[in-house]
N, C-alpha and C. Protein backbone atom coordinates (compact mmCIF):
# COMPACT_ATOMS: atom_id res chain seq x y z
N MET A 1 0.81 -1.20 0.00
CA MET A 1 0.00 0.00 0.00
C MET A 1 0.85 1.26 0.00
N GLU A 2 2.13 1.11 0.22
CA GLU A 2 3.00 2.29 0.26
C GLU A 2 3.88 2.40 -0.98
N LYS A 3 3.33 2.01 -2.12
CA LYS A 3 4.12 2.07 -3.35
C LYS A 3 4.58 3.49 -3.66
N HIS A 4 3.78 4.48 -3.23
CA HIS A 4 4.12 5.87 -3.50
C HIS A 4 5.32 6.32 -2.68
N LEU A 5 5.74 5.51 -1.71
CA LEU A 5 6.89 5.86 -0.86
C LEU A 5 8.11 4.99 -1.16
N GLU A 6 8.04 4.17 -2.21
CA GLU A 6 9.17 3.31 -2.55
C GLU A 6 10.40 4.15 -2.83
N GLY A 7 11.54 3.65 -2.38
CA GLY A 7 12.80 4.33 -2.61
C GLY A 7 13.20 5.27 -1.48
N LEU A 8 12.29 5.51 -0.55
CA LEU A 8 12.60 6.36 0.59
C LEU A 8 13.14 5.52 1.74
N THR A 9 13.96 6.13 2.57
CA THR A 9 14.44 5.44 3.76
C THR A 9 13.31 5.39 4.79
N LEU A 10 13.48 4.58 5.81
CA LEU A 10 12.46 4.49 6.87
C LEU A 10 12.25 5.85 7.53
N LEU A 11 13.32 6.57 7.76
CA LEU A 11 13.22 7.91 8.36
C LEU A 11 12.43 8.85 7.46
N GLN A 12 12.71 8.83 6.16
CA GLN A 12 11.99 9.69 5.23
C GLN A 12 10.51 9.32 5.18
N LYS A 13 10.20 8.04 5.22
CA LYS A 13 8.80 7.61 5.22
C LYS A 13 8.08 8.14 6.46
N ARG A 14 8.75 8.07 7.61
CA ARG A 14 8.14 8.57 8.84
C ARG A 14 7.94 10.07 8.78
N LEU A 15 8.91 10.78 8.21
CA LEU A 15 8.77 12.24 8.05
C LEU A 15 7.58 12.56 7.15
N VAL A 16 7.46 11.86 6.04
CA VAL A 16 6.36 12.08 5.10
C VAL A 16 5.02 11.88 5.81
N LYS A 17 4.90 10.81 6.56
CA LYS A 17 3.65 10.52 7.26
C LYS A 17 3.35 11.57 8.33
N ALA A 18 4.38 12.00 9.04
CA ALA A 18 4.19 13.02 10.08
C ALA A 18 3.78 14.35 9.47
N TYR A 19 4.46 14.75 8.39
CA TYR A 19 4.10 16.00 7.72
C TYR A 19 2.68 15.92 7.18
N ALA A 20 2.32 14.79 6.58
CA ALA A 20 0.96 14.64 6.02
C ALA A 20 -0.08 14.80 7.12
N THR A 21 0.18 14.20 8.26
CA THR A 21 -0.77 14.30 9.38
C THR A 21 -0.91 15.75 9.84
N SER A 22 0.22 16.46 9.97
CA SER A 22 0.13 17.84 10.45
C SER A 22 -0.49 18.77 9.40
N ILE A 23 -0.29 18.47 8.13
CA ILE A 23 -0.91 19.28 7.08
C ILE A 23 -2.41 19.04 7.04
N MET A 24 -2.81 17.78 7.15
CA MET A 24 -4.24 17.47 7.14
C MET A 24 -4.94 18.05 8.37
N GLY A 25 -4.20 18.20 9.46
CA GLY A 25 -4.74 18.81 10.67
C GLY A 25 -4.64 20.32 10.66
N GLU A 26 -4.20 20.86 9.52
CA GLU A 26 -4.08 22.30 9.29
C GLU A 26 -3.12 22.98 10.27
N VAL A 27 -2.06 22.24 10.66
CA VAL A 27 -1.02 22.80 11.51
C VAL A 27 0.12 23.36 10.66
N ARG A 28 0.38 22.72 9.53
CA ARG A 28 1.43 23.12 8.60
C ARG A 28 0.88 23.17 7.19
N THR A 29 1.73 23.64 6.26
CA THR A 29 1.41 23.59 4.84
C THR A 29 2.49 22.79 4.13
N VAL A 30 2.24 22.43 2.89
CA VAL A 30 3.23 21.66 2.12
C VAL A 30 4.52 22.47 1.98
N LYS A 31 4.43 23.77 1.94
CA LYS A 31 5.63 24.60 1.82
C LYS A 31 6.53 24.51 3.05
N ASP A 32 5.98 24.06 4.18
CA ASP A 32 6.76 23.90 5.41
C ASP A 32 7.62 22.64 5.40
N VAL A 33 7.37 21.73 4.45
CA VAL A 33 8.08 20.45 4.41
C VAL A 33 9.54 20.64 4.05
N LYS A 34 10.41 20.15 4.92
CA LYS A 34 11.85 20.20 4.70
C LYS A 34 12.38 18.80 4.92
N PRO A 35 13.20 18.25 4.08
CA PRO A 35 13.73 18.80 2.84
C PRO A 35 12.65 18.89 1.75
N GLU A 36 12.83 19.86 0.88
CA GLU A 36 11.82 20.12 -0.14
C GLU A 36 11.60 18.92 -1.06
N ALA A 37 12.59 18.05 -1.18
CA ALA A 37 12.45 16.87 -2.04
C ALA A 37 11.32 15.95 -1.56
N LEU A 38 10.93 16.07 -0.31
CA LEU A 38 9.86 15.23 0.22
C LEU A 38 8.47 15.81 -0.02
N GLN A 39 8.38 17.04 -0.50
CA GLN A 39 7.07 17.68 -0.67
C GLN A 39 6.14 16.87 -1.56
N ARG A 40 6.65 16.36 -2.67
CA ARG A 40 5.78 15.60 -3.58
C ARG A 40 5.31 14.30 -2.94
N TYR A 41 6.17 13.70 -2.10
CA TYR A 41 5.77 12.48 -1.40
C TYR A 41 4.68 12.77 -0.37
N VAL A 42 4.79 13.92 0.28
CA VAL A 42 3.77 14.31 1.25
C VAL A 42 2.44 14.53 0.53
N GLU A 43 2.47 15.17 -0.62
CA GLU A 43 1.24 15.38 -1.39
C GLU A 43 0.63 14.04 -1.80
N LEU A 44 1.48 13.10 -2.20
CA LEU A 44 0.99 11.77 -2.57
C LEU A 44 0.40 11.03 -1.37
N GLU A 45 1.04 11.17 -0.21
CA GLU A 45 0.54 10.53 1.01
C GLU A 45 -0.84 11.09 1.37
N ILE A 46 -1.01 12.39 1.27
CA ILE A 46 -2.30 13.01 1.57
C ILE A 46 -3.36 12.50 0.59
N ALA A 47 -3.00 12.44 -0.69
CA ALA A 47 -3.94 11.94 -1.70
C ALA A 47 -4.32 10.50 -1.41
N GLU A 48 -3.35 9.66 -1.06
CA GLU A 48 -3.63 8.26 -0.72
C GLU A 48 -4.61 8.16 0.44
N ARG A 49 -4.40 8.98 1.46
CA ARG A 49 -5.28 8.95 2.64
C ARG A 49 -6.68 9.40 2.27
N GLU A 50 -6.79 10.43 1.43
CA GLU A 50 -8.11 10.92 1.03
C GLU A 50 -8.84 9.89 0.19
N ILE A 51 -8.14 9.22 -0.70
CA ILE A 51 -8.74 8.19 -1.54
C ILE A 51 -9.22 7.03 -0.66
N THR A 52 -8.38 6.63 0.28
CA THR A 52 -8.74 5.55 1.19
C THR A 52 -9.98 5.90 1.99
N ALA A 53 -10.04 7.14 2.47
CA ALA A 53 -11.21 7.57 3.24
C ALA A 53 -12.47 7.55 2.39
N LEU A 54 -12.37 7.95 1.13
CA LEU A 54 -13.53 7.97 0.25
C LEU A 54 -14.00 6.56 -0.12
N THR A 55 -13.06 5.65 -0.30
CA THR A 55 -13.44 4.30 -0.71
C THR A 55 -13.92 3.46 0.45
N ASN A 56 -13.64 3.89 1.68
CA ASN A 56 -14.07 3.14 2.86
C ASN A 56 -15.38 3.65 3.43
N GLU A 57 -15.97 4.64 2.83
CA GLU A 57 -17.23 5.19 3.34
C GLU A 57 -18.39 4.32 3.00
């Protein structure tokens, strides 16, 4: 289920998930994500979560 995170280290995956959670909770924005190379992964993680939520309703 984490194909969108393939190629990332375990630490990077955890960062992506943490950033996605804080962005979805409106605590941060995607522009706050550092390193910037992870921004696209955070966007993909958010999209995955939204799709999962829609398909599980």
